[in-house]
């Protein structure tokens, strides 16, 4: 049984509306949420690739000397249960947790941040 389901792939940007506008037009996506801080677009059929990179340096989230570039939002039914299950399969939990009652930031074994989110707390 899956611990979580893919909810969103999140891209960092200094201008979310501009970047979302690009992808909305490029991929003909529907706007679900739009503010100065966040734009959410609806898409079908998401593919994620994992590639080996020479001299890989993991992100240092929440620092920014090596930015995270993007992260996954994984929808879960229960934050505590999903966190425990993810930690049991080699995720780690950084000390910084911006809104632990709404989402949990964890790191995959390669250091990429991902968030466990109960869907009702998004948007």
Protein backbone atom coordinates (compact mmCIF):
# COMPACT_ATOMS: atom_id res chain seq x y z
CA UNK A 1 0.00 0.00 0.00
CA UNK A 2 1.32 3.47 -0.86
CA UNK A 3 2.28 5.83 1.94
CA UNK A 4 1.28 8.90 -0.10
CA UNK A 5 0.05 9.98 -3.53
CA UNK A 6 1.69 12.58 -5.75
CA UNK A 7 -0.14 15.84 -5.30
CA UNK A 8 2.04 18.44 -6.95
CA UNK A 9 5.46 19.22 -8.35
CA UNK A 10 6.46 22.64 -7.05
CA UNK A 11 8.83 24.95 -8.94
CA UNK A 12 10.52 27.82 -7.11
CA UNK A 13 10.41 31.24 -8.76
CA UNK A 14 10.88 34.92 -7.98
CA UNK A 15 7.73 35.64 -10.05
CA UNK A 16 5.18 32.81 -9.64
CA UNK A 17 2.52 34.48 -11.82
CA UNK A 18 4.92 34.90 -14.73
CA UNK A 19 6.26 31.34 -14.48
CA UNK A 20 2.75 29.88 -14.08
CA UNK A 21 1.58 31.90 -17.07
CA UNK A 22 4.34 30.37 -19.17
CA UNK A 23 3.43 26.80 -18.19
CA UNK A 24 -0.31 27.48 -18.43
CA UNK A 25 0.11 28.61 -22.02
CA UNK A 26 2.73 26.01 -22.93
CA UNK A 27 0.70 23.09 -21.57
CA UNK A 28 -2.86 24.50 -21.72
CA UNK A 29 -3.43 24.09 -17.99
CA UNK A 30 -6.27 25.34 -15.80
CA UNK A 31 -5.61 27.87 -13.01
CA UNK A 32 -6.86 26.58 -9.63
CA UNK A 33 -5.33 29.12 -7.21
CA UNK A 34 -3.62 32.42 -7.95
CA UNK A 35 -1.99 34.93 -5.61
CA UNK A 36 1.25 36.89 -5.49
CA UNK A 37 2.82 34.05 -3.50
CA UNK A 38 1.30 30.95 -5.12
CA UNK A 39 -0.25 29.82 -8.38
CA UNK A 40 -1.61 26.29 -8.74
CA UNK A 41 -2.33 24.78 -12.16
CA UNK A 42 -4.24 21.55 -12.88
CA UNK A 43 -2.44 19.01 -15.06
CA UNK A 44 -3.00 15.40 -16.10
CA UNK A 45 -0.38 12.68 -16.33
CA UNK A 46 2.72 13.85 -14.46
CA UNK A 47 6.07 12.18 -15.08
CA UNK A 48 9.03 12.48 -12.71
CA UNK A 49 12.50 11.41 -13.73
CA UNK A 50 15.43 10.55 -11.45
CA UNK A 51 18.84 10.94 -13.08
CA UNK A 52 22.41 10.37 -11.93
CA UNK A 53 24.47 13.57 -11.97
CA UNK A 54 28.26 13.72 -11.67
CA UNK A 55 29.41 15.71 -8.62
CA UNK A 56 25.86 15.94 -7.27
CA UNK A 57 25.44 18.34 -4.35
CA UNK A 58 22.20 17.96 -2.36
CA UNK A 59 20.12 21.03 -1.54
CA UNK A 60 20.82 22.53 1.88
CA UNK A 61 17.19 23.42 2.63
CA UNK A 62 16.24 25.61 4.40
CA UNK A 63 19.49 27.36 3.45
CA UNK A 64 20.12 28.65 -0.04
CA UNK A 65 23.79 28.03 -0.86
CA UNK A 66 22.49 25.03 -2.86
CA UNK A 67 18.79 25.73 -3.54
CA UNK A 68 16.19 22.99 -3.70
CA UNK A 69 15.12 23.99 -7.25
CA UNK A 70 11.82 22.09 -6.92
CA UNK A 71 10.05 19.78 -4.50
CA UNK A 72 7.20 17.29 -4.41
CA UNK A 73 3.99 17.78 -2.46
CA UNK A 74 2.72 14.33 -1.52
CA UNK A 75 -0.88 14.12 -0.34
CA UNK A 76 -1.52 11.95 2.72
CA UNK A 77 -4.46 11.12 4.96
CA UNK A 78 -2.57 11.41 8.25
CA UNK A 79 0.57 13.54 8.72
CA UNK A 80 1.92 11.65 11.73
CA UNK A 81 1.43 8.19 10.21
CA UNK A 82 2.85 9.20 6.82
CA UNK A 83 5.85 10.89 8.44
CA UNK A 84 6.62 7.78 10.50
CA UNK A 85 6.30 5.52 7.45
CA UNK A 86 8.54 7.77 5.33
CA UNK A 87 11.17 7.98 8.07
CA UNK A 88 11.12 4.17 8.28
CA UNK A 89 12.15 3.93 4.61
CA UNK A 90 15.14 6.30 4.91
CA UNK A 91 13.60 9.76 4.70
CA UNK A 92 15.01 12.25 7.19
CA UNK A 93 13.40 15.22 8.91
CA UNK A 94 15.13 18.61 9.00
CA UNK A 95 14.80 20.75 12.13
CA UNK A 96 13.05 23.57 10.25
CA UNK A 97 9.32 22.90 9.88
CA UNK A 98 7.48 26.07 8.69
CA UNK A 99 3.92 24.84 9.39
CA UNK A 100 4.10 21.35 10.92
CA UNK A 101 0.36 21.30 11.68
CA UNK A 102 -0.36 21.76 7.95
CA UNK A 103 2.57 20.02 6.25
CA UNK A 104 5.82 18.24 7.07
CA UNK A 105 9.06 18.79 5.22
CA UNK A 106 11.17 15.66 4.85
CA UNK A 107 14.30 14.89 2.84
CA UNK A 108 14.72 11.92 0.53
CA UNK A 109 17.92 9.82 0.82
CA UNK A 110 19.64 12.11 -1.74
CA UNK A 111 18.69 15.26 0.21
CA UNK A 112 15.79 16.50 -1.94
CA UNK A 113 13.07 18.12 0.17
CA UNK A 114 9.48 16.93 -0.20
CA UNK A 115 6.34 17.83 1.73
CA UNK A 116 3.68 15.58 3.21
CA UNK A 117 0.40 17.47 2.97
CA UNK A 118 -3.19 16.69 3.92
CA UNK A 119 -5.05 17.94 0.78
CA UNK A 120 -7.54 20.08 2.73
CA UNK A 121 -4.66 22.28 3.96
CA UNK A 122 -3.56 23.25 0.43
CA UNK A 123 -4.76 26.39 -1.31
